[in-house]
Protein backbone atom coordinates (compact mmCIF):
# COMPACT_ATOMS: atom_id res chain seq x y z
CA MET A 1 99.36 36.71 134.58
CA LYS A 2 99.71 38.08 138.06
CA HIS A 3 98.88 35.26 140.10
CA ILE A 4 94.89 36.04 142.13
CA ASP A 5 93.72 33.95 144.14
CA HIS A 6 90.14 34.05 142.68
CA TRP A 7 88.62 31.36 144.57
CA LYS A 8 89.27 33.08 147.60
CA ARG A 9 87.60 36.21 146.40
CA LEU A 10 84.72 34.12 145.47
CA GLU A 11 84.80 32.43 148.73
CA SER A 12 84.72 36.22 150.35
CA VAL A 13 81.99 37.35 148.47
CA MET A 14 79.47 34.56 148.92
CA ARG A 15 80.09 35.63 152.49
CA GLY A 16 79.18 38.73 152.21
CA ASP A 17 82.79 39.99 153.46
CA ALA A 18 84.53 43.82 152.17
CA LEU A 19 87.66 42.26 149.18
CA ASP A 20 90.99 43.28 147.73
CA GLN A 21 88.65 44.37 145.36
CA ILE A 22 85.10 43.82 143.55
CA PRO A 23 85.24 40.50 141.43
CA VAL A 24 84.67 40.72 137.36
CA SER A 25 84.01 38.04 135.20
CA LEU A 26 83.27 39.17 131.28
CA TRP A 27 82.53 36.36 128.60
CA ARG A 28 82.40 35.94 125.05
CA HIS A 29 81.25 34.07 121.78
CA PHE A 30 84.30 32.86 119.44
CA PRO A 31 81.87 32.52 116.40
CA ALA A 32 83.29 29.92 114.27
CA ASP A 33 85.58 28.85 116.03
CA ASP A 34 83.77 27.54 118.56
CA MET A 35 82.70 24.69 116.48
CA ASP A 36 85.94 22.92 117.23
CA ALA A 37 86.71 21.50 119.93
CA GLY A 38 90.08 22.66 120.25
CA LYS A 39 89.69 26.09 119.18
CA LEU A 40 87.28 26.57 121.40
CA ALA A 41 89.16 25.03 124.53
CA ARG A 42 92.56 27.00 123.15
CA HIS A 43 90.31 30.52 122.76
CA THR A 44 89.09 30.05 126.63
CA VAL A 45 92.35 29.41 128.10
CA ALA A 46 93.58 32.17 126.65
CA TRP A 47 90.07 34.37 127.07
CA GLN A 48 91.14 33.72 131.19
CA GLU A 49 94.94 34.00 130.67
CA LYS A 50 95.16 37.94 129.26
CA TRP A 51 92.06 39.07 131.54
CA GLY A 52 92.03 37.11 134.90
CA PHE A 53 89.01 37.36 135.60
CA ASP A 54 87.05 35.95 138.91
CA PHE A 55 85.51 33.09 137.34
CA VAL A 56 85.27 31.37 133.93
CA LYS A 57 81.97 31.31 132.35
CA PHE A 58 82.38 28.57 129.52
CA MET A 59 81.38 28.84 126.01
CA PRO A 60 80.09 26.71 123.48
CA PRO A 61 78.05 27.30 120.80
CA GLY A 62 74.50 28.41 122.02
CA THR A 63 72.59 26.14 119.33
CA TYR A 64 74.77 23.03 120.31
CA SER A 65 71.65 21.36 122.74
CA VAL A 66 69.12 21.15 119.45
CA GLU A 67 71.60 20.12 117.06
CA ASP A 68 72.14 16.80 117.74
CA TRP A 69 68.30 16.66 117.62
CA GLY A 70 68.41 17.51 113.52
CA ALA A 71 67.85 21.15 113.80
CA THR A 72 69.98 23.29 111.62
CA THR A 73 72.19 26.30 112.93
CA ALA A 74 74.70 28.88 111.93
CA TYR A 75 76.71 31.98 112.50
CA ALA A 76 74.83 35.01 110.70
CA GLY A 77 77.10 37.64 112.11
CA ALA A 78 74.82 38.49 115.04
CA ALA A 79 76.44 40.97 117.07
CA ASN A 80 77.33 38.57 120.03
CA GLY A 81 78.53 35.75 118.18
CA ALA A 82 76.03 33.71 118.85
CA ARG A 83 74.80 31.22 116.53
CA VAL A 84 70.60 30.86 115.26
CA VAL A 85 68.39 28.01 114.17
CA THR A 86 68.04 28.27 110.43
CA ASP A 87 65.66 25.20 109.98
CA ALA A 88 63.89 24.14 113.50
CA ALA A 89 63.41 20.52 113.91
CA VAL A 90 60.01 20.42 115.41
CA LYS A 91 57.96 21.93 112.43
CA ARG A 92 54.14 19.85 113.29
CA THR A 93 53.34 18.65 116.88
CA ASP A 94 54.15 15.09 115.55
CA ASP A 95 57.36 16.51 115.69
CA TRP A 96 58.06 16.32 119.12
CA ARG A 97 58.01 12.62 118.97
CA ASN A 98 61.43 12.75 117.50
CA ILE A 99 62.79 14.25 120.16
CA ARG A 100 64.22 10.83 121.24
CA PRO A 101 67.27 10.00 124.16
CA LEU A 102 70.37 10.26 122.74
CA SER A 103 74.00 10.04 124.82
CA ALA A 104 75.29 13.80 126.09
CA ARG A 105 78.59 11.97 125.24
CA ALA A 106 78.35 11.72 121.44
CA GLY A 107 77.68 14.55 118.96
CA SER A 108 77.63 17.80 119.06
CA TRP A 109 76.56 17.21 123.05
CA GLY A 110 79.90 15.53 123.82
CA GLN A 111 82.08 17.66 122.30
CA GLN A 112 81.30 21.18 124.32
CA ASN A 113 82.80 18.91 127.06
CA VAL A 114 85.58 17.83 125.20
CA ALA A 115 86.28 20.97 124.83
CA LEU A 116 85.75 22.21 128.60
CA ALA A 117 87.75 18.94 129.87
CA GLU A 118 91.17 20.66 127.93
CA ALA A 119 90.32 23.87 128.83
CA ALA A 120 90.54 22.92 132.39
CA ARG A 121 93.05 20.76 132.45
CA ALA A 122 95.46 24.09 131.21
CA LEU A 123 93.69 26.57 133.51
CA ASN A 124 94.71 23.68 136.58
CA GLY A 125 91.75 24.88 139.09
CA SER A 126 93.59 29.13 139.20
CA ALA A 127 89.49 29.80 138.96
CA PRO A 128 86.40 28.27 138.98
CA ILE A 129 85.09 26.93 135.50
CA LEU A 130 80.89 27.12 134.62
CA GLN A 131 79.81 25.00 132.10
CA THR A 132 77.03 26.91 129.75
CA VAL A 133 73.63 24.57 130.16
CA PHE A 134 70.24 25.62 128.56
CA SER A 135 66.93 25.06 130.58
CA PRO A 136 65.41 22.21 129.07
CA LEU A 137 62.62 24.63 127.59
CA THR A 138 65.02 26.79 126.35
CA THR A 139 66.30 24.14 123.90
CA ALA A 140 62.93 23.01 123.34
CA ARG A 141 62.13 26.17 122.31
CA LYS A 142 65.06 26.81 120.10
CA LEU A 143 63.89 23.29 118.71
CA ALA A 144 60.61 24.18 117.76
CA THR A 145 61.14 28.41 117.64
CA ASP A 146 57.78 30.05 118.81
CA ARG A 147 55.53 27.21 117.64
CA LEU A 148 56.23 26.35 121.24
CA PHE A 149 53.97 28.74 122.62
CA ALA A 150 51.19 27.33 121.38
CA ASP A 151 52.11 23.75 121.79
CA ILE A 152 51.92 24.48 124.99
CA ARG A 153 48.95 26.11 125.35
CA CYS A 154 46.94 23.18 122.58
CA ASN A 155 49.64 20.29 123.10
CA PRO A 156 50.73 20.09 126.16
CA ASP A 157 51.28 16.14 126.77
CA ALA A 158 53.18 16.25 123.13
CA VAL A 159 55.84 18.99 124.99
CA GLU A 160 56.19 17.49 128.04
CA ALA A 161 57.02 14.13 126.94
CA ALA A 162 60.05 15.97 124.74
CA LEU A 163 60.76 17.65 127.94
CA ARG A 164 61.44 14.72 129.68
CA VAL A 165 64.13 13.50 127.37
CA ILE A 166 65.45 16.64 126.85
CA THR A 167 65.92 17.29 130.88
CA ASP A 168 67.55 13.17 131.16
CA VAL A 169 69.87 14.33 128.54
CA THR A 170 71.24 17.58 129.86
CA ILE A 171 71.27 16.14 133.64
CA GLU A 172 73.60 13.41 131.95
CA PHE A 173 75.42 16.46 130.40
CA CYS A 174 75.70 18.35 133.65
CA LEU A 175 77.55 15.28 134.83
CA ASP A 176 79.93 14.99 132.39
CA ALA A 177 81.15 18.23 132.43
CA ILE A 178 81.57 18.16 136.28
CA ARG A 179 83.54 14.57 135.51
CA ALA A 180 85.57 16.83 132.89
CA GLY A 181 86.24 19.92 134.86
CA ALA A 182 83.55 21.97 135.83
CA HIS A 183 83.10 23.32 139.17
CA GLY A 184 79.54 23.98 138.59
CA ILE A 185 76.88 25.02 135.71
CA PHE A 186 75.46 28.73 134.52
CA LEU A 187 71.54 27.69 133.73
CA ALA A 188 70.42 29.95 131.46
CA THR A 189 66.76 30.32 130.76
CA GLN A 190 65.41 32.14 128.14
CA LEU A 191 61.44 31.73 128.35
CA ALA A 192 61.34 32.83 132.22
CA SER A 193 59.68 35.95 131.19
CA HIS A 194 55.96 37.51 131.90
CA ARG A 195 56.22 38.38 128.27
CA LEU A 196 55.98 34.64 127.31
CA LEU A 197 54.53 32.41 129.49
CA SER A 198 52.55 32.56 132.73
CA VAL A 199 54.03 32.16 136.41
CA ALA A 200 51.81 29.09 135.99
CA GLU A 201 52.71 27.90 132.65
CA TYR A 202 56.80 28.36 133.64
CA GLU A 203 56.33 26.32 136.68
CA ARG A 204 54.95 23.23 134.78
CA PHE A 205 57.15 23.90 132.09
CA GLY A 206 60.23 25.43 133.15
CA ALA A 207 60.94 25.10 136.41
CA THR A 208 59.55 21.62 137.00
CA TYR A 209 62.50 20.66 135.30
CA ASP A 210 65.28 23.32 136.17
CA ARG A 211 65.19 21.78 139.36
CA GLU A 212 65.25 18.42 138.66
CA ILE A 213 69.04 19.32 136.88
CA PHE A 214 70.15 21.54 139.88
CA ASP A 215 68.57 18.18 142.33
CA ALA A 216 70.60 15.95 140.16
CA ILE A 217 74.01 17.77 140.43
CA LYS A 218 73.44 18.90 144.45
CA GLY A 219 77.05 18.27 146.61
CA ARG A 220 78.73 17.67 143.39
CA CYS A 221 79.15 21.90 142.41
CA GLN A 222 81.30 24.50 144.35
CA LEU A 223 79.05 27.02 142.79
CA ASN A 224 76.68 27.17 139.81
CA MET A 225 74.96 29.97 138.48
CA LEU A 226 71.16 31.03 136.45
CA HIS A 227 71.39 33.43 133.61
CA ALA A 228 67.71 35.34 133.40
CA HIS A 229 67.81 35.99 129.56
CA GLY A 230 64.99 38.76 128.62
CA ASP A 231 62.52 41.28 129.79
CA ASP A 232 60.81 41.05 132.55
CA ILE A 233 61.84 38.35 134.36
CA MET A 234 59.87 36.43 136.73
CA PHE A 235 62.90 37.23 139.60
CA ASP A 236 60.43 35.85 141.99
CA LEU A 237 60.06 32.53 141.18
CA LEU A 238 63.70 32.28 139.90
CA SER A 239 65.11 33.28 143.22
CA GLY A 240 64.03 30.68 145.30
CA TYR A 241 66.30 27.82 143.25
CA PRO A 242 69.55 27.01 144.72
CA ILE A 243 72.07 29.20 143.05
CA GLN A 244 74.59 30.36 144.20
CA LEU A 245 74.94 33.04 141.83
CA PHE A 246 72.22 35.15 140.04
CA ASN A 247 72.36 37.23 136.60
CA TRP A 248 70.50 39.37 134.25
CA HIS A 249 69.95 42.37 132.77
CA ASP A 250 70.19 44.30 135.43
CA ARG A 251 70.28 47.19 133.31
CA LEU A 252 67.79 46.60 130.71
CA THR A 253 64.89 45.33 132.69
CA ASP A 254 63.95 45.36 136.28
CA PRO A 255 64.42 44.67 139.13
CA ASP A 256 67.36 46.62 139.23
CA LEU A 257 70.51 45.01 141.54
CA ARG A 258 69.20 47.06 144.47
CA ARG A 259 65.72 46.11 144.51
CA ALA A 260 67.06 42.42 143.38
CA ARG A 261 69.02 42.46 146.85
CA LYS A 262 66.20 42.63 148.89
CA LYS A 263 64.65 39.89 147.14
CA PHE A 264 68.17 37.59 146.81
CA PRO A 265 70.41 37.41 149.36
CA GLN A 266 73.21 35.72 147.65
CA VAL A 267 75.48 36.76 144.93
CA LEU A 268 74.30 39.25 142.23
CA VAL A 269 76.44 39.20 138.66
CA GLY A 270 75.30 41.86 136.87
CA GLY A 271 75.99 46.07 136.61
CA LEU A 272 76.80 46.51 133.50
CA ASN A 273 74.95 47.67 129.81
CA GLU A 274 77.24 44.97 127.30
CA HIS A 275 75.01 46.63 124.65
CA GLU A 276 75.65 50.39 125.14
CA THR A 277 78.35 51.57 127.81
CA LEU A 278 80.93 48.65 126.56
CA ILE A 279 80.36 49.39 122.93
CA HIS A 280 79.88 53.16 122.76
CA CYS A 281 80.92 54.85 125.76
CA LEU A 282 84.57 55.98 127.03
CA PRO A 283 86.49 54.37 130.20
CA GLU A 284 84.65 57.16 132.84
CA ASP A 285 81.27 56.13 132.07
CA ILE A 286 82.48 52.76 132.18
CA ALA A 287 83.32 53.63 135.65
CA ARG A 288 80.46 55.47 136.66
CA GLU A 289 78.47 52.41 136.10
CA VAL A 290 80.68 49.73 137.83
CA GLU A 291 80.24 52.81 140.98
CA ASP A 292 76.73 52.73 140.62
CA ALA A 293 76.37 48.93 140.56
CA VAL A 294 78.60 49.09 143.65
CA ASP A 295 76.68 51.86 145.35
CA GLN A 296 72.93 49.86 145.06
CA THR A 297 74.54 47.02 146.40
CA ASP A 298 76.92 48.37 149.23
CA GLY A 299 79.65 46.24 146.96
CA ARG A 300 78.85 42.99 148.99
CA HIS A 301 77.60 40.00 147.48
CA LEU A 302 78.27 41.62 143.86
CA ILE A 303 80.69 40.04 141.44
CA ILE A 304 80.93 42.91 137.95
CA GLY A 305 79.63 41.54 134.88
CA PRO A 306 77.08 41.92 131.42
CA GLY A 307 73.32 41.23 131.54
CA CYS A 308 74.34 39.05 128.54
CA VAL A 309 77.17 37.70 126.60
CA LEU A 310 79.47 40.74 125.47
CA PRO A 311 79.58 41.88 121.37
CA VAL A 312 82.33 40.36 119.87
CA ALA A 313 82.90 43.84 119.17
CA THR A 314 83.88 45.03 122.83
CA THR A 315 87.12 46.29 122.56
CA ASP A 316 90.10 45.80 125.00
CA ARG A 317 90.43 49.46 125.70
CA ALA A 318 86.33 48.83 127.39
CA ILE A 319 87.17 44.97 128.98
CA GLN A 320 90.74 46.66 130.98
CA ALA A 321 88.40 49.62 132.15
CA VAL A 322 86.07 47.27 133.69
CA LEU A 323 89.10 45.40 135.61
CA ASP A 324 90.61 49.17 136.66
CA SER A 325 87.25 50.32 138.13
CA ALA A 326 86.42 47.27 139.59
CA ARG A 327 89.90 47.42 141.27
CA ASN A 328 89.92 51.06 142.48
CA LEU A 329 86.75 51.09 143.63
CA ASN A 330 87.65 48.09 146.44
CA LYS A 331 87.93 51.14 148.73
CA VAL A 332 83.86 51.59 148.67
CA ALA A 333 83.46 47.83 150.06
CA LEU A 334 86.16 48.15 153.04
C-alpha cells in the first residue's frame, strides 16, 4: 500500500484547509468471523491495508454490549452483516434489576478491545482507529428491544438504574479502548430520532449518559465521532456534542450535508447512499454522488463515507469508484 499521511490529511480537514484529495473512510462488518478476536483483528488490518482509508472505524459485532447481560444473539444473514438479538435479556420491568455491574475487560466486552489492540499494533499508528461504542440507551434497547419505550414512560426509575450501570461499564470500555490503541471512539446512538422519543425524553435517558462518556474521555483522544442512526434525527441536539466528526444517513433523511454545514462547523462524514448507489449503480453514478457531496460542502470539513455500515455485498469496484472519485475531485476544494 502506498504510504499516505492520513493524520496530516485529517488534521487539514478539521482545520477546513484545501486538501490534496477529499478524505474517505468506509466500514463493514465481517459476520461470524467478528465473534473471534483474532479473526476480527486480521480482517480489520487486511481491510485497511487494501484500501488505505483515512481513518479506521473498528467493527466489532453490533451486539457485543448486551451478550454479557444475558441477551442471545445471532447473525441471521442481514445484508449489512449485523447480528440481531434473538432473545432479549429484559422481558419484564423487574428484569432491569438484573443489569448489574460487570467488568468491561471480560467476556464479550473485553474481547473487542483485545481485537482492537491486535489491529492497532499491526497498523502501528498509520491511521487513526476509532473503537465502536454504543450509547447506553442504545444498549438498553438491545437488552429490552421495544419494551424499552413503555418502561421509559411507565417505569423510568427502573430504566435509569440500569442506564447508570450500563454507562459505568461503557466508560470503562472506552478507557480500555484508548489504552489498547484507539485514538478515539465512534459513538453510535440509535434512538435520537423524533420518530422514537421526544427531545425531552432523549435529553433525560440518552444525552445525559452520552455526555458522561465524552466527559470521561476528554483530553485522552485525538478525535471522536458520533453516528446518529435512523430517520428524523435530533440534529440540533446532537450537533452540540463535543465531537470532531458527525455521521448520519444524510442521503436518506434530513438534514442533507448543505443544511448540516450551517449547524455543525466541524467535520461531516457522509455523502454516500450505501443501500442504493454503492450496490446498484455504476462507477459514474458513484462519482456523481461524491461530486454532489463536495458541492454541498465546498469540499471543506468533509470526509466521504456511508450513512451507515456498508452491505457485505459491496463490490471492490464500487469501493474503488469512491476512492477514485474523491481523488479526482480534489481540485474542487483547491
